[in-house]
Amino acid sequence: MTEFERELVKSFNSYFERKGVRAIAYRRKQHRFSSQFIDILVDSIKPDYYIAIENKSISTAKGAKKLYFSQHFSDNQVSRINRFIEKSGRKGYLAVELKQGRGVTHAEPS
């Protein structure tokens, strides 16, 4: 699990707890030789929170400025994700992390 995925799951669960929403976000354990349909799942009896989230990290240090489906997804990944969303009845979302590369620091206002 990437740090981005971990923080996203943590944020969803923190929100659910604060707002008293009966829902849970989690990341299924990834196994080396099995395909994973989606990165993060959220289970809830409320349809608005019954979702599936695919995460993509893009490094702007390598010159990337846009998300290209042909570059950032494998040929059949989008089809697998769509089939999973259709069969599970979840709403699908894409979360994109823009990484600025190593050594990039952000100055905080003093």
C-alpha atoms as a PDB file:
ATOM      1  CA  MET A   1       0.000   0.000   0.000  1.00  0.00           C
ATOM      2  CA  THR A   2       1.370   3.383  -0.935  1.00  0.00           C
ATOM      3  CA  GLU A   3       1.418   6.286   1.487  1.00  0.00           C
ATOM      4  CA  PHE A   4      -1.204   8.002  -0.689  1.00  0.00           C
ATOM      5  CA  GLU A   5      -3.571   5.024  -0.375  1.00  0.00           C
ATOM      6  CA  ARG A   6      -2.929   4.739   3.362  1.00  0.00           C
ATOM      7  CA  GLU A   7      -3.710   8.432   3.912  1.00  0.00           C
ATOM      8  CA  LEU A   8      -6.834   8.252   1.747  1.00  0.00           C
ATOM      9  CA  VAL A   9      -8.201   5.268   3.718  1.00  0.00           C
ATOM     10  CA  LYS A  10      -7.331   7.012   6.995  1.00  0.00           C
ATOM     11  CA  SER A  11      -9.061  10.226   5.860  1.00  0.00           C
ATOM     12  CA  PHE A  12     -12.238   8.433   4.792  1.00  0.00           C
ATOM     13  CA  ASN A  13     -12.459   6.505   8.067  1.00  0.00           C
ATOM     14  CA  SER A  14     -11.761   9.638  10.111  1.00  0.00           C
ATOM     15  CA  TYR A  15     -14.546  11.463   8.238  1.00  0.00           C
ATOM     16  CA  PHE A  16     -16.977   8.580   8.771  1.00  0.00           C
ATOM     17  CA  GLU A  17     -16.203   8.502  12.490  1.00  0.00           C
ATOM     18  CA  ARG A  18     -16.534  12.288  12.926  1.00  0.00           C
ATOM     19  CA  LYS A  19     -19.836  12.413  11.024  1.00  0.00           C
ATOM     20  CA  GLY A  20     -21.274   9.216  12.521  1.00  0.00           C
ATOM     21  CA  VAL A  21     -21.563   7.562   9.109  1.00  0.00           C
ATOM     22  CA  ARG A  22     -21.879   3.778   9.144  1.00  0.00           C
ATOM     23  CA  ALA A  23     -19.146   3.067   6.588  1.00  0.00           C
ATOM     24  CA  ILE A  24     -15.613   1.723   6.430  1.00  0.00           C
ATOM     25  CA  ALA A  25     -12.821   2.299   3.923  1.00  0.00           C
ATOM     26  CA  TYR A  26     -10.159  -0.343   3.459  1.00  0.00           C
ATOM     27  CA  ARG A  27      -7.457  -1.611   1.169  1.00  0.00           C
ATOM     28  CA  ARG A  28      -7.507  -5.292   0.312  1.00  0.00           C
ATOM     29  CA  LYS A  29      -4.164  -6.993   0.710  1.00  0.00           C
ATOM     30  CA  GLN A  30      -2.398  -7.274  -2.615  1.00  0.00           C
ATOM     31  CA  HIS A  31      -0.813 -10.598  -3.502  1.00  0.00           C
ATOM     32  CA  ARG A  32       2.075 -10.937  -5.890  1.00  0.00           C
ATOM     33  CA  PHE A  33       0.440 -13.361  -8.324  1.00  0.00           C
ATOM     34  CA  SER A  34      -3.193 -12.291  -8.207  1.00  0.00           C
ATOM     35  CA  SER A  35      -4.792  -9.333  -9.913  1.00  0.00           C
ATOM     36  CA  GLN A  36      -6.402  -6.613  -7.882  1.00  0.00           C
ATOM     37  CA  PHE A  37      -9.609  -5.088  -9.202  1.00  0.00           C
ATOM     38  CA  ILE A  38      -9.407  -1.743  -7.434  1.00  0.00           C
ATOM     39  CA  ASP A  39      -7.206   0.008  -4.861  1.00  0.00           C
ATOM     40  CA  ILE A  40      -9.640   1.133  -2.142  1.00  0.00           C
ATOM     41  CA  LEU A  41     -13.120  -0.083  -1.262  1.00  0.00           C
ATOM     42  CA  VAL A  42     -15.688   1.640   0.920  1.00  0.00           C
ATOM     43  CA  ASP A  43     -18.549  -0.410   2.350  1.00  0.00           C
ATOM     44  CA  SER A  44     -21.697   1.218   3.659  1.00  0.00           C
ATOM     45  CA  ILE A  45     -25.419   0.659   3.743  1.00  0.00           C
ATOM     46  CA  LYS A  46     -25.740   4.214   2.397  1.00  0.00           C
ATOM     47  CA  PRO A  47     -25.493   4.056  -1.408  1.00  0.00           C
ATOM     48  CA  ASP A  48     -23.586   7.362  -1.537  1.00  0.00           C
ATOM     49  CA  TYR A  49     -20.708   5.756   0.371  1.00  0.00           C
ATOM     50  CA  TYR A  50     -20.677   2.375  -1.378  1.00  0.00           C
ATOM     51  CA  ILE A  51     -17.703   3.203  -3.601  1.00  0.00           C
ATOM     52  CA  ALA A  52     -14.566   1.916  -5.284  1.00  0.00           C
ATOM     53  CA  ILE A  53     -11.498   4.116  -5.740  1.00  0.00           C
ATOM     54  CA  GLU A  54      -8.628   3.583  -8.159  1.00  0.00           C
ATOM     55  CA  ASN A  55      -5.466   5.518  -7.286  1.00  0.00           C
ATOM     56  CA  LYS A  56      -2.801   6.794  -9.647  1.00  0.00           C
ATOM     57  CA  SER A  57       0.418   8.576  -8.748  1.00  0.00           C
ATOM     58  CA  ILE A  58       1.992  10.839 -11.330  1.00  0.00           C
ATOM     59  CA  SER A  59       5.458  12.310 -10.938  1.00  0.00           C
ATOM     60  CA  THR A  60       5.690  15.863 -12.236  1.00  0.00           C
ATOM     61  CA  ALA A  61       9.487  15.611 -11.847  1.00  0.00           C
ATOM     62  CA  LYS A  62       9.498  13.308 -14.884  1.00  0.00           C
ATOM     63  CA  GLY A  63       7.676  15.913 -16.937  1.00  0.00           C
ATOM     64  CA  ALA A  64       4.164  14.490 -16.523  1.00  0.00           C
ATOM     65  CA  LYS A  65       1.525  17.184 -16.505  1.00  0.00           C
ATOM     66  CA  LYS A  66      -1.524  15.142 -17.462  1.00  0.00           C
ATOM     67  CA  LEU A  67      -3.057  11.761 -16.857  1.00  0.00           C
ATOM     68  CA  TYR A  68      -2.996   9.683 -20.022  1.00  0.00           C
ATOM     69  CA  PHE A  69      -5.090   6.533 -19.981  1.00  0.00           C
ATOM     70  CA  SER A  70      -2.827   4.875 -22.546  1.00  0.00           C
ATOM     71  CA  GLN A  71       0.214   5.608 -20.379  1.00  0.00           C
ATOM     72  CA  HIS A  72      -1.097   5.184 -16.830  1.00  0.00           C
ATOM     73  CA  PHE A  73      -3.434   2.182 -17.264  1.00  0.00           C
ATOM     74  CA  SER A  74      -2.750  -1.237 -18.725  1.00  0.00           C
ATOM     75  CA  ASP A  75      -4.793  -2.322 -21.757  1.00  0.00           C
ATOM     76  CA  ASN A  76      -7.361  -4.335 -19.844  1.00  0.00           C
ATOM     77  CA  GLN A  77      -7.218  -2.544 -16.479  1.00  0.00           C
ATOM     78  CA  VAL A  78     -10.006  -0.088 -17.308  1.00  0.00           C
ATOM     79  CA  SER A  79     -12.219  -2.946 -18.543  1.00  0.00           C
ATOM     80  CA  ARG A  80     -11.569  -4.963 -15.353  1.00  0.00           C
ATOM     81  CA  ILE A  81     -12.365  -1.947 -13.180  1.00  0.00           C
ATOM     82  CA  ASN A  82     -15.580  -1.220 -15.107  1.00  0.00           C
ATOM     83  CA  ARG A  83     -16.732  -4.852 -14.826  1.00  0.00           C
ATOM     84  CA  PHE A  84     -16.025  -4.836 -11.091  1.00  0.00           C
ATOM     85  CA  ILE A  85     -17.974  -1.596 -10.586  1.00  0.00           C
ATOM     86  CA  GLU A  86     -20.921  -2.907 -12.626  1.00  0.00           C
ATOM     87  CA  LYS A  87     -21.064  -6.248 -10.813  1.00  0.00           C
ATOM     88  CA  SER A  88     -20.567  -4.832  -7.313  1.00  0.00           C
ATOM     89  CA  GLY A  89     -22.997  -1.917  -7.732  1.00  0.00           C
ATOM     90  CA  ARG A  90     -20.430   0.565  -6.395  1.00  0.00           C
ATOM     91  CA  LYS A  91     -19.786   4.072  -7.625  1.00  0.00           C
ATOM     92  CA  GLY A  92     -16.329   4.366  -9.150  1.00  0.00           C
ATOM     93  CA  TYR A  93     -13.845   7.172  -8.517  1.00  0.00           C
ATOM     94  CA  LEU A  94     -10.311   7.946  -9.615  1.00  0.00           C
ATOM     95  CA  ALA A  95      -7.934   9.604  -7.125  1.00  0.00           C
ATOM     96  CA  VAL A  96      -4.767  11.141  -8.587  1.00  0.00           C
ATOM     97  CA  GLU A  97      -1.665  12.058  -6.603  1.00  0.00           C
ATOM     98  CA  LEU A  98       0.740  14.526  -8.194  1.00  0.00           C
ATOM     99  CA  LYS A  99       4.229  13.903  -6.857  1.00  0.00           C
ATOM    100  CA  GLN A 100       6.814  16.600  -7.363  1.00  0.00           C
ATOM    101  CA  GLY A 101       9.812  14.320  -7.015  1.00  0.00           C
ATOM    102  CA  ARG A 102      12.520  13.814  -4.446  1.00  0.00           C
ATOM    103  CA  GLY A 103      13.938  16.686  -2.501  1.00  0.00           C
ATOM    104  CA  VAL A 104      11.118  19.051  -3.290  1.00  0.00           C
ATOM    105  CA  THR A 105      10.101  20.909  -0.191  1.00  0.00           C
ATOM    106  CA  HIS A 106       7.281  23.310   0.348  1.00  0.00           C
ATOM    107  CA  ALA A 107       7.976  26.412   2.385  1.00  0.00           C
ATOM    108  CA  GLU A 108       5.432  27.129   5.075  1.00  0.00           C
ATOM    109  CA  PRO A 109       4.524  30.797   5.601  1.00  0.00           C
ATOM    110  CA  SER A 110       6.047  32.163   8.772  1.00  0.00           C
END
